[in-house]
Amino acid sequence: MIEIHKGIICNNKYRQTNTMNTIRLTPENVFQYIGYEIIFKTRKKHIVTRINYVSPTGKTIYIKHPDLQDNLQIVSREIYVIL
Protein backbone atom coordinates (compact mmCIF):
# COMPACT_ATOMS: atom_id res chain seq x y z
CA MET A 1 0.00 0.00 0.00
CA ILE A 2 1.26 3.46 -0.85
CA GLU A 3 0.41 6.75 0.82
CA ILE A 4 1.52 10.30 0.01
CA HIS A 5 2.61 12.17 3.13
CA LYS A 6 4.46 15.52 3.06
CA GLY A 7 5.96 14.91 -0.37
CA ILE A 8 7.12 11.38 0.44
CA ILE A 9 5.41 8.14 -0.49
CA CYS A 10 5.33 5.68 2.40
CA ASN A 11 4.51 1.99 2.51
CA ASN A 12 1.90 1.52 5.19
CA LYS A 13 -0.42 -1.47 5.35
CA TYR A 14 -2.71 0.06 7.97
CA ARG A 15 -3.79 3.26 6.20
CA GLN A 16 -6.03 4.03 3.26
CA THR A 17 -4.17 4.21 -0.04
CA ASN A 18 -4.30 6.68 -2.92
CA THR A 19 -4.24 5.25 -6.42
CA MET A 20 -2.22 7.23 -8.94
CA ASN A 21 -2.11 7.22 -12.72
CA THR A 22 1.53 7.43 -13.79
CA ILE A 23 3.61 7.49 -16.98
CA ARG A 24 7.31 6.62 -17.14
CA LEU A 25 9.42 9.65 -18.02
CA THR A 26 11.68 9.33 -21.08
CA PRO A 27 13.90 11.79 -22.99
CA GLU A 28 11.28 11.73 -25.77
CA ASN A 29 8.24 12.67 -23.64
CA VAL A 30 9.83 14.79 -20.87
CA PHE A 31 9.19 18.17 -22.55
CA GLN A 32 5.41 17.77 -22.34
CA TYR A 33 5.46 17.25 -18.55
CA ILE A 34 7.27 20.38 -17.31
CA GLY A 35 5.41 21.58 -14.21
CA TYR A 36 3.96 18.15 -13.42
CA GLU A 37 4.63 16.22 -10.23
CA ILE A 38 6.90 13.20 -10.45
CA ILE A 39 7.66 10.26 -8.20
CA PHE A 40 11.02 8.53 -7.96
CA LYS A 41 13.00 6.47 -5.47
CA THR A 42 16.21 7.61 -3.76
CA ARG A 43 17.89 6.16 -0.69
CA LYS A 44 15.09 3.62 -0.25
CA LYS A 45 12.39 6.34 -0.10
CA HIS A 46 9.87 7.44 -2.68
CA ILE A 47 9.95 11.20 -3.29
CA VAL A 48 7.26 13.34 -4.91
CA THR A 49 8.34 16.67 -6.40
CA ARG A 50 7.68 18.91 -9.41
CA ILE A 51 9.68 19.25 -12.67
CA ASN A 52 10.97 22.84 -12.86
CA TYR A 53 12.69 22.62 -16.24
CA VAL A 54 14.46 20.20 -18.58
CA SER A 55 17.90 20.22 -20.20
CA PRO A 56 18.02 20.79 -23.99
CA THR A 57 18.91 17.11 -24.56
CA GLY A 58 15.96 15.93 -22.46
CA LYS A 59 18.16 13.59 -20.40
CA THR A 60 18.25 15.71 -17.22
CA ILE A 61 15.38 17.25 -15.30
CA TYR A 62 15.73 19.98 -12.71
CA ILE A 63 13.76 19.76 -9.48
CA LYS A 64 13.88 21.21 -5.99
CA HIS A 65 15.80 18.59 -4.02
CA PRO A 66 19.15 19.80 -2.58
CA ASP A 67 20.26 16.29 -1.60
CA LEU A 68 20.43 15.42 -5.33
CA GLN A 69 21.93 18.80 -6.39
CA ASP A 70 18.46 19.75 -7.75
CA ASN A 71 18.69 17.51 -10.85
CA LEU A 72 17.97 13.96 -11.96
CA GLN A 73 19.24 11.95 -14.93
CA ILE A 74 16.27 10.36 -16.68
CA VAL A 75 18.28 7.64 -18.43
CA SER A 76 19.71 6.15 -15.21
CA ARG A 77 16.62 6.30 -12.99
CA GLU A 78 12.98 5.20 -13.04
CA ILE A 79 10.94 8.39 -12.82
CA TYR A 80 7.17 8.49 -13.19
CA VAL A 81 4.89 11.46 -13.91
CA ILE A 82 1.78 11.64 -11.72
CA LEU A 83 -1.27 12.45 -13.83
PDB file of N, CA and C in Angstrom:
ATOM      1  N   MET A   1       0.841  -1.174   0.000  1.00  0.00           N
ATOM      2  CA  MET A   1       0.000   0.000   0.000  1.00  0.00           C
ATOM      3  C   MET A   1       0.886   1.237   0.000  1.00  0.00           C
ATOM      4  N   ILE A   2       0.464   2.244  -0.720  1.00  0.00           N
ATOM      5  CA  ILE A   2       1.261   3.460  -0.848  1.00  0.00           C
ATOM      6  C   ILE A   2       0.446   4.653  -0.388  1.00  0.00           C
ATOM      7  N   GLU A   3       1.086   5.560   0.313  1.00  0.00           N
ATOM      8  CA  GLU A   3       0.414   6.753   0.816  1.00  0.00           C
ATOM      9  C   GLU A   3       1.320   7.959   0.595  1.00  0.00           C
ATOM     10  N   ILE A   4       0.750   9.075   0.146  1.00  0.00           N
ATOM     11  CA  ILE A   4       1.518  10.304   0.006  1.00  0.00           C
ATOM     12  C   ILE A   4       1.431  11.068   1.316  1.00  0.00           C
ATOM     13  N   HIS A   5       2.586  11.434   1.875  1.00  0.00           N
ATOM     14  CA  HIS A   5       2.611  12.170   3.131  1.00  0.00           C
ATOM     15  C   HIS A   5       3.761  13.157   3.103  1.00  0.00           C
ATOM     16  N   LYS A   6       3.463  14.458   3.064  1.00  0.00           N
ATOM     17  CA  LYS A   6       4.462  15.519   3.064  1.00  0.00           C
ATOM     18  C   LYS A   6       5.498  15.342   1.966  1.00  0.00           C
ATOM     19  N   GLY A   7       5.057  15.025   0.750  1.00  0.00           N
ATOM     20  CA  GLY A   7       5.960  14.910  -0.373  1.00  0.00           C
ATOM     21  C   GLY A   7       6.692  13.593  -0.466  1.00  0.00           C
ATOM     22  N   ILE A   8       6.447  12.675   0.462  1.00  0.00           N
ATOM     23  CA  ILE A   8       7.124  11.382   0.440  1.00  0.00           C
ATOM     24  C   ILE A   8       6.074  10.281   0.398  1.00  0.00           C
ATOM     25  N   ILE A   9       6.299   9.287  -0.418  1.00  0.00           N
ATOM     26  CA  ILE A   9       5.410   8.139  -0.490  1.00  0.00           C
ATOM     27  C   ILE A   9       5.878   7.109   0.520  1.00  0.00           C
ATOM     28  N   CYS A  10       4.966   6.628   1.349  1.00  0.00           N
ATOM     29  CA  CYS A  10       5.329   5.675   2.401  1.00  0.00           C
ATOM     30  C   CYS A  10       4.563   4.377   2.201  1.00  0.00           C
ATOM     31  N   ASN A  11       5.207   3.274   2.479  1.00  0.00           N
ATOM     32  CA  ASN A  11       4.508   1.989   2.510  1.00  0.00           C
ATOM     33  C   ASN A  11       3.879   1.845   3.880  1.00  0.00           C
ATOM     34  N   ASN A  12       2.584   1.630   3.908  1.00  0.00           N
ATOM     35  CA  ASN A  12       1.896   1.521   5.189  1.00  0.00           C
ATOM     36  C   ASN A  12       0.671   0.644   4.989  1.00  0.00           C
ATOM     37  N   LYS A  13       0.676  -0.539   5.577  1.00  0.00           N
ATOM     38  CA  LYS A  13      -0.415  -1.474   5.348  1.00  0.00           C
ATOM     39  C   LYS A  13      -1.655  -1.181   6.178  1.00  0.00           C
ATOM     40  N   TYR A  14      -1.580  -0.217   7.094  1.00  0.00           N
ATOM     41  CA  TYR A  14      -2.714   0.057   7.965  1.00  0.00           C
ATOM     42  C   TYR A  14      -3.532   1.274   7.566  1.00  0.00           C
ATOM     43  N   ARG A  15      -3.066   2.044   6.581  1.00  0.00           N
ATOM     44  CA  ARG A  15      -3.786   3.260   6.196  1.00  0.00           C
ATOM     45  C   ARG A  15      -4.425   3.121   4.826  1.00  0.00           C
ATOM     46  N   GLN A  16      -5.373   3.973   4.564  1.00  0.00           N
ATOM     47  CA  GLN A  16      -6.027   4.030   3.263  1.00  0.00           C
ATOM     48  C   GLN A  16      -5.016   4.432   2.198  1.00  0.00           C
ATOM     49  N   THR A  17      -5.141   3.905   1.002  1.00  0.00           N
ATOM     50  CA  THR A  17      -4.170   4.215  -0.044  1.00  0.00           C
ATOM     51  C   THR A  17      -4.776   5.124  -1.097  1.00  0.00           C
ATOM     52  N   ASN A  18      -3.898   5.856  -1.771  1.00  0.00           N
ATOM     53  CA  ASN A  18      -4.298   6.679  -2.917  1.00  0.00           C
ATOM     54  C   ASN A  18      -3.808   5.984  -4.178  1.00  0.00           C
ATOM     55  N   THR A  19      -4.683   5.825  -5.163  1.00  0.00           N
ATOM     56  CA  THR A  19      -4.236   5.251  -6.422  1.00  0.00           C
ATOM     57  C   THR A  19      -3.819   6.395  -7.335  1.00  0.00           C
ATOM     58  N   MET A  20      -2.743   6.181  -8.082  1.00  0.00           N
ATOM     59  CA  MET A  20      -2.220   7.225  -8.943  1.00  0.00           C
ATOM     60  C   MET A  20      -2.066   6.694 -10.353  1.00  0.00           C
ATOM     61  N   ASN A  21      -2.411   7.527 -11.339  1.00  0.00           N
ATOM     62  CA  ASN A  21      -2.106   7.216 -12.723  1.00  0.00           C
ATOM     63  C   ASN A  21      -0.737   7.793 -13.018  1.00  0.00           C
ATOM     64  N   THR A  22       0.170   6.974 -13.528  1.00  0.00           N
ATOM     65  CA  THR A  22       1.530   7.429 -13.790  1.00  0.00           C
ATOM     66  C   THR A  22       1.970   7.037 -15.195  1.00  0.00           C
ATOM     67  N   ILE A  23       2.967   7.771 -15.699  1.00  0.00           N
ATOM     68  CA  ILE A  23       3.612   7.485 -16.980  1.00  0.00           C
ATOM     69  C   ILE A  23       5.101   7.559 -16.745  1.00  0.00           C
ATOM     70  N   ARG A  24       5.848   6.612 -17.291  1.00  0.00           N
ATOM     71  CA  ARG A  24       7.309   6.621 -17.143  1.00  0.00           C
ATOM     72  C   ARG A  24       7.890   7.760 -17.976  1.00  0.00           C
ATOM     73  N   LEU A  25       8.783   8.523 -17.371  1.00  0.00           N
ATOM     74  CA  LEU A  25       9.422   9.652 -18.019  1.00  0.00           C
ATOM     75  C   LEU A  25      10.564   9.163 -18.900  1.00  0.00           C
ATOM     76  N   THR A  26      10.619   9.656 -20.135  1.00  0.00           N
ATOM     77  CA  THR A  26      11.685   9.326 -21.081  1.00  0.00           C
ATOM     78  C   THR A  26      12.204  10.615 -21.701  1.00  0.00           C
ATOM     79  N   PRO A  27      13.399  10.590 -22.308  1.00  0.00           N
ATOM     80  CA  PRO A  27      13.896  11.792 -22.986  1.00  0.00           C
ATOM     81  C   PRO A  27      12.976  12.267 -24.121  1.00  0.00           C
ATOM     82  N   GLU A  28      12.186  11.367 -24.675  1.00  0.00           N
ATOM     83  CA  GLU A  28      11.280  11.733 -25.767  1.00  0.00           C
ATOM     84  C   GLU A  28      10.026  12.452 -25.275  1.00  0.00           C
ATOM     85  N   ASN A  29       9.503  12.084 -24.089  1.00  0.00           N
ATOM     86  CA  ASN A  29       8.242  12.674 -23.641  1.00  0.00           C
ATOM     87  C   ASN A  29       8.395  13.703 -22.525  1.00  0.00           C
ATOM     88  N   VAL A  30       9.615  13.940 -22.042  1.00  0.00           N
ATOM     89  CA  VAL A  30       9.833  14.791 -20.871  1.00  0.00           C
ATOM     90  C   VAL A  30       9.390  16.236 -21.084  1.00  0.00           C
ATOM     91  N   PHE A  31       9.504  16.750 -22.298  1.00  0.00           N
ATOM     92  CA  PHE A  31       9.194  18.165 -22.553  1.00  0.00           C
ATOM     93  C   PHE A  31       7.713  18.487 -22.372  1.00  0.00           C
ATOM     94  N   GLN A  32       6.843  17.511 -22.507  1.00  0.00           N
ATOM     95  CA  GLN A  32       5.405  17.773 -22.342  1.00  0.00           C
ATOM     96  C   GLN A  32       4.940  17.707 -20.892  1.00  0.00           C
ATOM     97  N   TYR A  33       5.847  17.377 -19.961  1.00  0.00           N
ATOM     98  CA  TYR A  33       5.461  17.249 -18.553  1.00  0.00           C
ATOM     99  C   TYR A  33       6.151  18.254 -17.633  1.00  0.00           C
ATOM    100  N   ILE A  34       6.682  19.336 -18.152  1.00  0.00           N
ATOM    101  CA  ILE A  34       7.274  20.385 -17.313  1.00  0.00           C
ATOM    102  C   ILE A  34       6.167  20.980 -16.444  1.00  0.00           C
ATOM    103  N   GLY A  35       6.414  21.073 -15.151  1.00  0.00           N
ATOM    104  CA  GLY A  35       5.415  21.581 -14.213  1.00  0.00           C
ATOM    105  C   GLY A  35       4.599  20.493 -13.540  1.00  0.00           C
ATOM    106  N   TYR A  36       4.685  19.267 -14.020  1.00  0.00           N
ATOM    107  CA  TYR A  36       3.957  18.149 -13.424  1.00  0.00           C
ATOM    108  C   TYR A  36       4.714  17.600 -12.221  1.00  0.00           C
ATOM    109  N   GLU A  37       3.993  16.910 -11.340  1.00  0.00           N
ATOM    110  CA  GLU A  37       4.631  16.224 -10.226  1.00  0.00           C
ATOM    111  C   GLU A  37       5.157  14.882 -10.698  1.00  0.00           C
ATOM    112  N   ILE A  38       6.287  14.482 -10.118  1.00  0.00           N
ATOM    113  CA  ILE A  38       6.901  13.202 -10.445  1.00  0.00           C
ATOM    114  C   ILE A  38       7.125  12.417  -9.165  1.00  0.00           C
ATOM    115  N   ILE A  39       7.311  11.126  -9.318  1.00  0.00           N
ATOM    116  CA  ILE A  39       7.658  10.264  -8.197  1.00  0.00           C
ATOM    117  C   ILE A  39       8.862   9.429  -8.607  1.00  0.00           C
ATOM    118  N   PHE A  40       9.837   9.333  -7.706  1.00  0.00           N
ATOM    119  CA  PHE A  40      11.022   8.529  -7.956  1.00  0.00           C
ATOM    120  C   PHE A  40      11.549   8.023  -6.620  1.00  0.00           C
ATOM    121  N   LYS A  41      12.456   7.069  -6.679  1.00  0.00           N
ATOM    122  CA  LYS A  41      12.998   6.473  -5.469  1.00  0.00           C
ATOM    123  C   LYS A  41      14.459   6.877  -5.304  1.00  0.00           C
ATOM    124  N   THR A  42      14.830   7.305  -4.100  1.00  0.00           N
ATOM    125  CA  THR A  42      16.206   7.610  -3.763  1.00  0.00           C
ATOM    126  C   THR A  42      16.445   7.237  -2.312  1.00  0.00           C
ATOM    127  N   ARG A  43      17.534   6.591  -2.048  1.00  0.00           N
ATOM    128  CA  ARG A  43      17.895   6.162  -0.692  1.00  0.00           C
ATOM    129  C   ARG A  43      16.764   5.406   0.002  1.00  0.00           C
ATOM    130  N   LYS A  44      16.157   4.496  -0.732  1.00  0.00           N
ATOM    131  CA  LYS A  44      15.086   3.619  -0.250  1.00  0.00           C
ATOM    132  C   LYS A  44      13.804   4.347   0.140  1.00  0.00           C
ATOM    133  N   LYS A  45      13.616   5.586  -0.341  1.00  0.00           N
ATOM    134  CA  LYS A  45      12.388   6.341  -0.101  1.00  0.00           C
ATOM    135  C   LYS A  45      11.828   6.806  -1.436  1.00  0.00           C
ATOM    136  N   HIS A  46      10.516   6.861  -1.520  1.00  0.00           N
ATOM    137  CA  HIS A  46       9.867   7.441  -2.682  1.00  0.00           C
ATOM    138  C   HIS A  46       9.672   8.926  -2.429  1.00  0.00           C
ATOM    139  N   ILE A  47      10.042   9.747  -3.393  1.00  0.00           N
ATOM    140  CA  ILE A  47       9.953  11.196  -3.289  1.00  0.00           C
ATOM    141  C   ILE A  47       8.985  11.714  -4.351  1.00  0.00           C
ATOM    142  N   VAL A  48       8.163  12.663  -3.974  1.00  0.00           N
ATOM    143  CA  VAL A  48       7.265  13.344  -4.912  1.00  0.00           C
ATOM    144  C   VAL A  48       7.688  14.799  -4.978  1.00  0.00           C
ATOM    145  N   THR A  49       7.954  15.285  -6.186  1.00  0.00           N
ATOM    146  CA  THR A  49       8.335  16.675  -6.396  1.00  0.00           C
ATOM    147  C   THR A  49       7.897  17.105  -7.791  1.00  0.00           C
ATOM    148  N   ARG A  50       8.154  18.349  -8.150  1.00  0.00           N
ATOM    149  CA  ARG A  50       7.684  18.914  -9.414  1.00  0.00           C
ATOM    150  C   ARG A  50       8.869  19.152 -10.354  1.00  0.00           C
ATOM    151  N   ILE A  51       8.660  18.959 -11.662  1.00  0.00           N
ATOM    152  CA  ILE A  51       9.682  19.251 -12.671  1.00  0.00           C
ATOM    153  C   ILE A  51       9.706  20.753 -12.896  1.00  0.00           C
ATOM    154  N   ASN A  52      10.849  21.401 -12.640  1.00  0.00           N
ATOM    155  CA  ASN A  52      10.973  22.840 -12.857  1.00  0.00           C
ATOM    156  C   ASN A  52      11.334  23.155 -14.306  1.00  0.00           C
ATOM    157  N   TYR A  53      12.355  22.501 -14.829  1.00  0.00           N
ATOM    158  CA  TYR A  53      12.695  22.616 -16.239  1.00  0.00           C
ATOM    159  C   TYR A  53      13.541  21.436 -16.672  1.00  0.00           C
ATOM    160  N   VAL A  54      13.800  21.357 -17.979  1.00  0.00           N
ATOM    161  CA  VAL A  54      14.462  20.198 -18.578  1.00  0.00           C
ATOM    162  C   VAL A  54      15.659  20.682 -19.377  1.00  0.00           C
ATOM    163  N   SER A  55      16.723  19.874 -19.400  1.00  0.00           N
ATOM    164  CA  SER A  55      17.903  20.215 -20.202  1.00  0.00           C
ATOM    165  C   SER A  55      17.546  20.148 -21.688  1.00  0.00           C
ATOM    166  N   PRO A  56      18.303  20.822 -22.548  1.00  0.00           N
ATOM    167  CA  PRO A  56      18.020  20.794 -23.990  1.00  0.00           C
ATOM    168  C   PRO A  56      18.050  19.385 -24.595  1.00  0.00           C
ATOM    169  N   THR A  57      18.856  18.487 -24.035  1.00  0.00           N
ATOM    170  CA  THR A  57      18.910  17.112 -24.556  1.00  0.00           C
ATOM    171  C   THR A  57      17.746  16.266 -24.080  1.00  0.00           C
ATOM    172  N   GLY A  58      17.069  16.689 -23.006  1.00  0.00           N
ATOM    173  CA  GLY A  58      15.956  15.929 -22.456  1.00  0.00           C
ATOM    174  C   GLY A  58      16.387  14.790 -21.559  1.00  0.00           C
ATOM    175  N   LYS A  59      17.671  14.691 -21.246  1.00  0.00           N
ATOM    176  CA  LYS A  59      18.160  13.593 -20.403  1.00  0.00           C
ATOM    177  C   LYS A  59      18.279  13.961 -18.933  1.00  0.00           C
ATOM    178  N   THR A  60      18.165  15.246 -18.608  1.00  0.00           N
ATOM    179  CA  THR A  60      18.254  15.710 -17.222  1.00  0.00           C
ATOM    180  C   THR A  60      17.066  16.598 -16.913  1.00  0.00           C
ATOM    181  N   ILE A  61      16.441  16.363 -15.752  1.00  0.00           N
ATOM    182  CA  ILE A  61      15.382  17.251 -15.298  1.00  0.00           C
ATOM    183  C   ILE A  61      15.864  17.973 -14.051  1.00  0.00           C
ATOM    184  N   TYR A  62      15.351  19.162 -13.863  1.00  0.00           N
ATOM    185  CA  TYR A  62      15.729  19.984 -12.714  1.00  0.00           C
ATOM    186  C   TYR A  62      14.536  20.103 -11.782  1.00  0.00           C
ATOM    187  N   ILE A  63      14.792  19.793 -10.505  1.00  0.00           N
ATOM    188  CA  ILE A  63      13.756  19.757  -9.482  1.00  0.00           C
ATOM    189  C   ILE A  63      14.276  20.489  -8.252  1.00  0.00           C
ATOM    190  N   LYS A  64      13.436  20.635  -7.252  1.00  0.00           N
ATOM    191  CA  LYS A  64      13.879  21.211  -5.990  1.00  0.00           C
ATOM    192  C   LYS A  64      14.136  20.067  -5.017  1.00  0.00           C
ATOM    193  N   HIS A  65      15.396  19.638  -4.941  1.00  0.00           N
ATOM    194  CA  HIS A  65      15.804  18.585  -4.020  1.00  0.00           C
ATOM    195  C   HIS A  65      17.306  18.716  -3.797  1.00  0.00           C
ATOM    196  N   PRO A  66      17.731  19.512  -2.795  1.00  0.00           N
ATOM    197  CA  PRO A  66      19.152  19.796  -2.581  1.00  0.00           C
ATOM    198  C   PRO A  66      20.032  18.563  -2.386  1.00  0.00           C
ATOM    199  N   ASP A  67      19.487  17.498  -1.824  1.00  0.00           N
ATOM    200  CA  ASP A  67      20.261  16.288  -1.603  1.00  0.00           C
ATOM    201  C   ASP A  67      20.766  15.688  -2.920  1.00  0.00           C
ATOM    202  N   LEU A  68      20.051  15.930  -4.013  1.00  0.00           N
ATOM    203  CA  LEU A  68      20.434  15.415  -5.333  1.00  0.00           C
ATOM    204  C   LEU A  68      20.971  16.523  -6.239  1.00  0.00           C
ATOM    205  N   GLN A  69      21.446  17.612  -5.659  1.00  0.00           N
ATOM    206  CA  GLN A  69      21.927  18.797  -6.389  1.00  0.00           C
ATOM    207  C   GLN A  69      20.867  19.337  -7.363  1.00  0.00           C
ATOM    208  N   ASP A  70      19.601  19.198  -7.009  1.00  0.00           N
ATOM    209  CA  ASP A  70      18.464  19.747  -7.746  1.00  0.00           C
ATOM    210  C   ASP A  70      18.340  19.242  -9.179  1.00  0.00           C
ATOM    211  N   ASN A  71      18.897  18.068  -9.506  1.00  0.00           N
ATOM    212  CA  ASN A  71      18.692  17.512 -10.845  1.00  0.00           C
ATOM    213  C   ASN A  71      18.682  15.997 -10.813  1.00  0.00           C
ATOM    214  N   LEU A  72      18.048  15.407 -11.819  1.00  0.00           N
ATOM    215  CA  LEU A  72      17.966  13.955 -11.963  1.00  0.00           C
ATOM    216  C   LEU A  72      18.263  13.580 -13.400  1.00  0.00           C
ATOM    217  N   GLN A  73      18.998  12.505 -13.590  1.00  0.00           N
ATOM    218  CA  GLN A  73      19.240  11.954 -14.926  1.00  0.00           C
ATOM    219  C   GLN A  73      18.109  10.976 -15.237  1.00  0.00           C
ATOM    220  N   ILE A  74      17.407  11.207 -16.313  1.00  0.00           N
ATOM    221  CA  ILE A  74      16.274  10.358 -16.679  1.00  0.00           C
ATOM    222  C   ILE A  74      16.734   8.974 -17.136  1.00  0.00           C
ATOM    223  N   VAL A  75      17.854   8.911 -17.836  1.00  0.00           N
ATOM    224  CA  VAL A  75      18.283   7.642 -18.428  1.00  0.00           C
ATOM    225  C   VAL A  75      18.786   6.641 -17.401  1.00  0.00           C
ATOM    226  N   SER A  76      19.167   7.080 -16.215  1.00  0.00           N
ATOM    227  CA  SER A  76      19.711   6.154 -15.214  1.00  0.00           C
ATOM    228  C   SER A  76      18.771   5.915 -14.033  1.00  0.00           C
ATOM    229  N   ARG A  77      17.539   6.376 -14.119  1.00  0.00           N
ATOM    230  CA  ARG A  77      16.622   6.297 -12.986  1.00  0.00           C
ATOM    231  C   ARG A  77      15.196   6.084 -13.482  1.00  0.00           C
ATOM    232  N   GLU A  78      14.401   5.363 -12.712  1.00  0.00           N
ATOM    233  CA  GLU A  78      12.984   5.200 -13.043  1.00  0.00           C
ATOM    234  C   GLU A  78      12.225   6.359 -12.419  1.00  0.00           C
ATOM    235  N   ILE A  79      11.691   7.224 -13.256  1.00  0.00           N
ATOM    236  CA  ILE A  79      10.939   8.390 -12.819  1.00  0.00           C
ATOM    237  C   ILE A  79       9.569   8.337 -13.467  1.00  0.00           C
ATOM    238  N   TYR A  80       8.531   8.565 -12.681  1.00  0.00           N
ATOM    239  CA  TYR A  80       7.167   8.490 -13.190  1.00  0.00           C
ATOM    240  C   TYR A  80       6.458   9.823 -12.978  1.00  0.00           C
ATOM    241  N   VAL A  81       5.699  10.252 -13.986  1.00  0.00           N
ATOM    242  CA  VAL A  81       4.888  11.459 -13.914  1.00  0.00           C
ATOM    243  C   VAL A  81       3.544  11.082 -13.311  1.00  0.00           C
ATOM    244  N   ILE A  82       3.089  11.861 -12.343  1.00  0.00           N
ATOM    245  CA  ILE A  82       1.779  11.635 -11.725  1.00  0.00           C
ATOM    246  C   ILE A  82       0.757  12.457 -12.487  1.00  0.00           C
ATOM    247  N   LEU A  83      -0.228  11.765 -13.046  1.00  0.00           N
ATOM    248  CA  LEU A  83      -1.270  12.446 -13.828  1.00  0.00           C
ATOM    249  C   LEU A  83      -2.485  12.752 -12.980  1.00  0.00           C
TER     250      LEU A  83
END
